[in-house]
Amino acid sequence: MRILSSNDLLHREAAWLRRVASWTRQYDQAFPDLDDGERAQARMAVLYAWMRTRYSVGLQFVANYIAVVVTAAGMAAAAVGAGAVGP
């Protein structure tokens, strides 16, 4: 087993992102009659489908839980800030 340097990791990450972008474009071009909003939804659907097959369900659950907690904390902070600024 070889430990990758930071340059190797960056190179692999860039290659991964290029592949995902290429796949998304291929699926996107399969539907030429979509408007911009529908095209963006199709791109996101392809990306989410790809992520679901790449990451385990447990990791998805943890990521969703963290996102909910961060969103709730941000909303609570905004509510406290709005209350302090209010009349």
C-alpha atoms as a PDB file:
ATOM      1  CA  MET A   1       0.000   0.000   0.000  1.00  0.00           C
ATOM      2  CA  ARG A   2       1.337   3.372  -1.010  1.00  0.00           C
ATOM      3  CA  ILE A   3       0.642   6.670   0.742  1.00  0.00           C
ATOM      4  CA  LEU A   4      -0.256   9.328  -1.791  1.00  0.00           C
ATOM      5  CA  SER A   5       1.297  12.759  -1.707  1.00  0.00           C
ATOM      6  CA  SER A   6      -0.929  15.818  -1.673  1.00  0.00           C
ATOM      7  CA  ASN A   7      -0.174  16.418  -5.365  1.00  0.00           C
ATOM      8  CA  ASP A   8      -1.280  12.864  -6.211  1.00  0.00           C
ATOM      9  CA  LEU A   9      -4.477  13.330  -4.222  1.00  0.00           C
ATOM     10  CA  LEU A  10      -5.221  16.627  -5.985  1.00  0.00           C
ATOM     11  CA  HIS A  11      -4.590  15.002  -9.352  1.00  0.00           C
ATOM     12  CA  ARG A  12      -6.947  12.111  -8.552  1.00  0.00           C
ATOM     13  CA  GLU A  13      -9.620  14.491  -7.270  1.00  0.00           C
ATOM     14  CA  ALA A  14      -9.364  16.620 -10.432  1.00  0.00           C
ATOM     15  CA  ALA A  15      -9.617  13.504 -12.620  1.00  0.00           C
ATOM     16  CA  TRP A  16     -12.665  12.349 -10.635  1.00  0.00           C
ATOM     17  CA  LEU A  17     -14.365  15.730 -11.060  1.00  0.00           C
ATOM     18  CA  ARG A  18     -13.638  15.737 -14.808  1.00  0.00           C
ATOM     19  CA  ARG A  19     -15.194  12.265 -15.163  1.00  0.00           C
ATOM     20  CA  VAL A  20     -18.306  13.289 -13.231  1.00  0.00           C
ATOM     21  CA  ALA A  21     -18.633  16.465 -15.313  1.00  0.00           C
ATOM     22  CA  SER A  22     -18.231  14.451 -18.519  1.00  0.00           C
ATOM     23  CA  TRP A  23     -20.910  11.936 -17.485  1.00  0.00           C
ATOM     24  CA  THR A  24     -23.254  14.724 -16.471  1.00  0.00           C
ATOM     25  CA  ARG A  25     -22.780  16.456 -19.841  1.00  0.00           C
ATOM     26  CA  GLN A  26     -23.457  13.194 -21.677  1.00  0.00           C
ATOM     27  CA  TYR A  27     -26.749  12.680 -19.860  1.00  0.00           C
ATOM     28  CA  ASP A  28     -27.577  16.344 -20.224  1.00  0.00           C
ATOM     29  CA  GLN A  29     -27.081  16.231 -24.007  1.00  0.00           C
ATOM     30  CA  ALA A  30     -29.392  13.246 -24.262  1.00  0.00           C
ATOM     31  CA  PHE A  31     -32.327  15.635 -23.685  1.00  0.00           C
ATOM     32  CA  PRO A  32     -31.865  18.576 -26.092  1.00  0.00           C
ATOM     33  CA  ASP A  33     -35.429  19.897 -25.646  1.00  0.00           C
ATOM     34  CA  LEU A  34     -35.051  20.821 -21.942  1.00  0.00           C
ATOM     35  CA  ASP A  35     -35.075  24.448 -20.854  1.00  0.00           C
ATOM     36  CA  ASP A  36     -32.393  25.793 -18.485  1.00  0.00           C
ATOM     37  CA  GLY A  37     -34.273  24.987 -15.264  1.00  0.00           C
ATOM     38  CA  GLU A  38     -35.068  21.443 -16.328  1.00  0.00           C
ATOM     39  CA  ARG A  39     -31.495  20.977 -17.551  1.00  0.00           C
ATOM     40  CA  ALA A  40     -30.160  22.020 -14.132  1.00  0.00           C
ATOM     41  CA  GLN A  41     -32.538  19.576 -12.440  1.00  0.00           C
ATOM     42  CA  ALA A  42     -31.368  16.792 -14.740  1.00  0.00           C
ATOM     43  CA  ARG A  43     -27.731  17.566 -13.934  1.00  0.00           C
ATOM     44  CA  MET A  44     -28.404  17.485 -10.205  1.00  0.00           C
ATOM     45  CA  ALA A  45     -30.364  14.225 -10.524  1.00  0.00           C
ATOM     46  CA  VAL A  46     -27.440  12.595 -12.330  1.00  0.00           C
ATOM     47  CA  LEU A  47     -24.997  13.876  -9.722  1.00  0.00           C
ATOM     48  CA  TYR A  48     -27.154  12.685  -6.801  1.00  0.00           C
ATOM     49  CA  ALA A  49     -27.677   9.280  -8.422  1.00  0.00           C
ATOM     50  CA  TRP A  50     -23.942   8.930  -8.918  1.00  0.00           C
ATOM     51  CA  MET A  51     -23.237   9.944  -5.320  1.00  0.00           C
ATOM     52  CA  ARG A  52     -25.775   7.443  -3.978  1.00  0.00           C
ATOM     53  CA  THR A  53     -23.993   4.614  -5.757  1.00  0.00           C
ATOM     54  CA  ARG A  54     -20.551   5.822  -4.669  1.00  0.00           C
ATOM     55  CA  TYR A  55     -21.141   6.446  -0.953  1.00  0.00           C
ATOM     56  CA  SER A  56     -22.541   4.032   1.595  1.00  0.00           C
ATOM     57  CA  VAL A  57     -25.975   4.556   3.113  1.00  0.00           C
ATOM     58  CA  GLY A  58     -24.423   5.075   6.551  1.00  0.00           C
ATOM     59  CA  LEU A  59     -22.218   7.865   5.251  1.00  0.00           C
ATOM     60  CA  GLN A  60     -25.204   9.457   3.502  1.00  0.00           C
ATOM     61  CA  PHE A  61     -27.158   9.336   6.775  1.00  0.00           C
ATOM     62  CA  VAL A  62     -24.326  10.990   8.699  1.00  0.00           C
ATOM     63  CA  ALA A  63     -23.918  13.670   6.023  1.00  0.00           C
ATOM     64  CA  ASN A  64     -27.668  14.392   6.051  1.00  0.00           C
ATOM     65  CA  TYR A  65     -27.700  14.530   9.854  1.00  0.00           C
ATOM     66  CA  ILE A  66     -24.802  16.988   9.909  1.00  0.00           C
ATOM     67  CA  ALA A  67     -26.468  19.134   7.229  1.00  0.00           C
ATOM     68  CA  VAL A  68     -29.704  19.271   9.235  1.00  0.00           C
ATOM     69  CA  VAL A  69     -27.870  20.183  12.449  1.00  0.00           C
ATOM     70  CA  VAL A  70     -25.845  22.913  10.735  1.00  0.00           C
ATOM     71  CA  THR A  71     -28.971  24.319   9.077  1.00  0.00           C
ATOM     72  CA  ALA A  72     -30.888  24.309  12.351  1.00  0.00           C
ATOM     73  CA  ALA A  73     -28.021  26.029  14.167  1.00  0.00           C
ATOM     74  CA  GLY A  74     -27.819  28.660  11.433  1.00  0.00           C
ATOM     75  CA  MET A  75     -31.549  29.277  11.577  1.00  0.00           C
ATOM     76  CA  ALA A  76     -31.440  29.572  15.365  1.00  0.00           C
ATOM     77  CA  ALA A  77     -28.574  32.045  15.154  1.00  0.00           C
ATOM     78  CA  ALA A  78     -30.461  34.053  12.523  1.00  0.00           C
ATOM     79  CA  ALA A  79     -33.596  34.075  14.700  1.00  0.00           C
ATOM     80  CA  VAL A  80     -31.639  35.293  17.727  1.00  0.00           C
ATOM     81  CA  GLY A  81     -29.950  37.942  15.601  1.00  0.00           C
ATOM     82  CA  ALA A  82     -33.258  39.073  14.113  1.00  0.00           C
ATOM     83  CA  GLY A  83     -34.788  39.278  17.588  1.00  0.00           C
ATOM     84  CA  ALA A  84     -31.929  41.450  18.825  1.00  0.00           C
ATOM     85  CA  VAL A  85     -32.227  43.778  15.845  1.00  0.00           C
ATOM     86  CA  GLY A  86     -36.055  43.922  15.890  1.00  0.00           C
ATOM     87  CA  PRO A  87     -38.046  46.783  17.453  1.00  0.00           C
END
